[in-house]
Amino acid sequence: MAAIYKGTVNDPTTYPPPSKTHGSYHWAFERLLSAGLVPLTAAAFITSGSAYPVLDGILGVSLVMHSHIGFDSIVVDYLHDRKFPWVGPLARWSLRAATVATLVGVYQFNTNDVGLTELIRRVWTA
């Protein structure tokens, strides 16, 4: 099914109706996640390795979600569907697949190997 576009790529993009809560919740979540990574990373340095699997899990998910939000912003800003009708969606779905694969890999590393906090300790003392 072919997409039907009105206008040209030089015409302004139509915006959704404004919502007071949509952007603020998204922005607040991003800032909270970014600010929360500071004490989580410090706690990983302070703790004694893999004795804290909950810290490993929270740190792993937080790092992956922080990276996903950043890369998603790049894809949304630079590969808009109107200008890139098939590259934009492909990039978004590729990012989602990579994020899920990374989460699975972090889970496997935390449960079947030394965990993130022990990895950070070993790299720091190497």
Protein backbone atom coordinates (compact mmCIF):
# COMPACT_ATOMS: atom_id res chain seq x y z
CA MET A 1 0.00 0.00 0.00
CA ALA A 2 1.51 3.29 -1.09
CA ALA A 3 1.61 6.22 1.29
CA ILE A 4 -0.15 9.39 0.20
CA TYR A 5 1.61 12.59 1.15
CA LYS A 6 0.11 16.03 0.96
CA GLY A 7 2.51 18.77 -0.03
CA THR A 8 6.27 18.48 -0.41
CA VAL A 9 9.15 17.82 1.93
CA ASN A 10 9.60 21.59 2.24
CA ASP A 11 6.13 22.14 3.72
CA PRO A 12 5.92 22.38 7.50
CA THR A 13 5.05 19.26 9.48
CA THR A 14 1.64 19.16 11.09
CA TYR A 15 1.77 18.92 14.85
CA PRO A 16 -0.57 17.01 17.14
CA PRO A 17 -2.85 19.00 19.40
CA PRO A 18 -0.97 20.31 22.45
CA SER A 19 -1.15 18.36 25.67
CA LYS A 20 0.09 19.79 28.97
CA THR A 21 0.99 16.40 30.39
CA HIS A 22 2.44 14.34 27.52
CA GLY A 23 5.76 16.13 27.06
CA SER A 24 6.26 16.95 30.71
CA TYR A 25 5.97 13.32 31.84
CA HIS A 26 8.38 12.21 29.13
CA TRP A 27 10.86 14.98 30.00
CA ALA A 28 10.57 14.31 33.75
CA PHE A 29 11.19 10.57 33.22
CA GLU A 30 14.30 11.29 31.12
CA ARG A 31 15.71 13.67 33.74
CA LEU A 32 14.91 11.31 36.62
CA LEU A 33 16.57 8.41 34.81
CA SER A 34 19.65 10.50 33.98
CA ALA A 35 19.96 11.83 37.52
CA GLY A 36 19.40 8.36 38.98
CA LEU A 37 22.35 6.95 37.05
CA VAL A 38 24.78 9.05 39.10
CA PRO A 39 24.11 7.37 42.48
CA LEU A 40 23.64 3.97 40.81
CA THR A 41 27.06 4.19 39.20
CA ALA A 42 28.60 5.40 42.46
CA ALA A 43 26.95 2.51 44.31
CA ALA A 44 28.45 0.08 41.80
CA PHE A 45 31.93 1.42 42.62
CA ILE A 46 31.34 1.28 46.37
CA THR A 47 29.81 -2.20 46.63
CA SER A 48 31.91 -5.32 46.76
CA GLY A 49 31.11 -6.96 43.45
CA SER A 50 28.30 -9.37 42.66
CA ALA A 51 26.89 -9.47 46.20
CA TYR A 52 24.10 -7.11 45.09
CA PRO A 53 22.13 -8.64 42.20
CA VAL A 54 19.29 -6.10 42.57
CA LEU A 55 21.79 -3.28 41.99
CA ASP A 56 23.08 -5.13 38.93
CA GLY A 57 19.55 -5.42 37.55
CA ILE A 58 18.58 -1.80 38.19
CA LEU A 59 21.86 -0.50 36.80
CA GLY A 60 21.59 -2.70 33.70
CA VAL A 61 18.03 -1.67 32.87
CA SER A 62 18.73 2.00 33.62
CA LEU A 63 21.78 2.14 31.36
CA VAL A 64 19.99 0.42 28.49
CA MET A 65 16.87 2.60 28.79
CA HIS A 66 19.00 5.78 29.01
CA SER A 67 20.79 4.76 25.81
CA HIS A 68 17.53 3.82 24.09
CA ILE A 69 15.96 7.20 24.85
CA GLY A 70 19.01 9.02 23.49
CA PHE A 71 19.19 7.01 20.26
CA ASP A 72 15.42 7.26 19.82
CA SER A 73 15.68 11.04 19.99
CA ILE A 74 18.27 10.95 17.22
CA VAL A 75 16.10 8.73 15.02
CA VAL A 76 13.00 10.87 15.60
CA ASP A 77 14.86 14.11 14.89
CA TYR A 78 16.88 13.09 11.85
CA LEU A 79 14.94 10.27 10.18
CA HIS A 80 11.41 11.66 10.10
CA ASP A 81 8.83 9.52 8.28
CA ARG A 82 7.84 12.32 5.97
CA LYS A 83 11.31 12.70 4.51
CA PHE A 84 12.42 9.09 4.93
CA PRO A 85 9.25 6.98 4.51
CA TRP A 86 10.91 3.58 4.86
CA VAL A 87 14.27 4.35 6.50
CA GLY A 88 12.67 6.06 9.53
CA PRO A 89 10.42 3.14 10.54
CA LEU A 90 13.21 0.67 9.78
CA ALA A 91 15.59 2.60 12.05
CA ARG A 92 12.98 2.77 14.85
CA TRP A 93 12.26 -0.96 14.69
CA SER A 94 15.98 -1.76 14.47
CA LEU A 95 16.57 0.34 17.58
CA ARG A 96 13.77 -1.44 19.41
CA ALA A 97 15.16 -4.85 18.42
CA ALA A 98 18.67 -3.82 19.50
CA THR A 99 17.32 -2.57 22.83
CA VAL A 100 15.50 -5.83 23.52
CA ALA A 101 18.58 -7.85 22.51
CA THR A 102 20.75 -5.71 24.79
CA LEU A 103 18.34 -6.16 27.71
CA VAL A 104 18.43 -9.93 27.18
CA GLY A 105 22.24 -9.83 27.03
CA VAL A 106 22.48 -7.76 30.23
CA TYR A 107 20.08 -10.17 31.95
CA GLN A 108 22.17 -13.15 30.85
CA PHE A 109 25.38 -11.41 31.97
CA ASN A 110 23.90 -10.55 35.36
CA THR A 111 22.49 -14.02 36.02
CA ASN A 112 25.07 -16.34 34.40
CA ASP A 113 28.29 -14.33 34.78
CA VAL A 114 29.83 -11.93 37.29
CA GLY A 115 27.27 -9.09 36.93
CA LEU A 116 27.70 -5.43 36.10
CA THR A 117 28.96 -4.22 39.47
CA GLU A 118 31.69 -6.87 39.56
CA LEU A 119 32.59 -6.04 35.95
CA ILE A 120 32.92 -2.36 36.84
CA ARG A 121 35.09 -3.24 39.86
CA ARG A 122 37.34 -5.51 37.78
CA VAL A 123 37.74 -2.97 34.99
CA TRP A 124 38.44 -0.17 37.46
CA THR A 125 41.11 -2.14 39.32
CA ALA A 126 42.71 -3.65 36.19
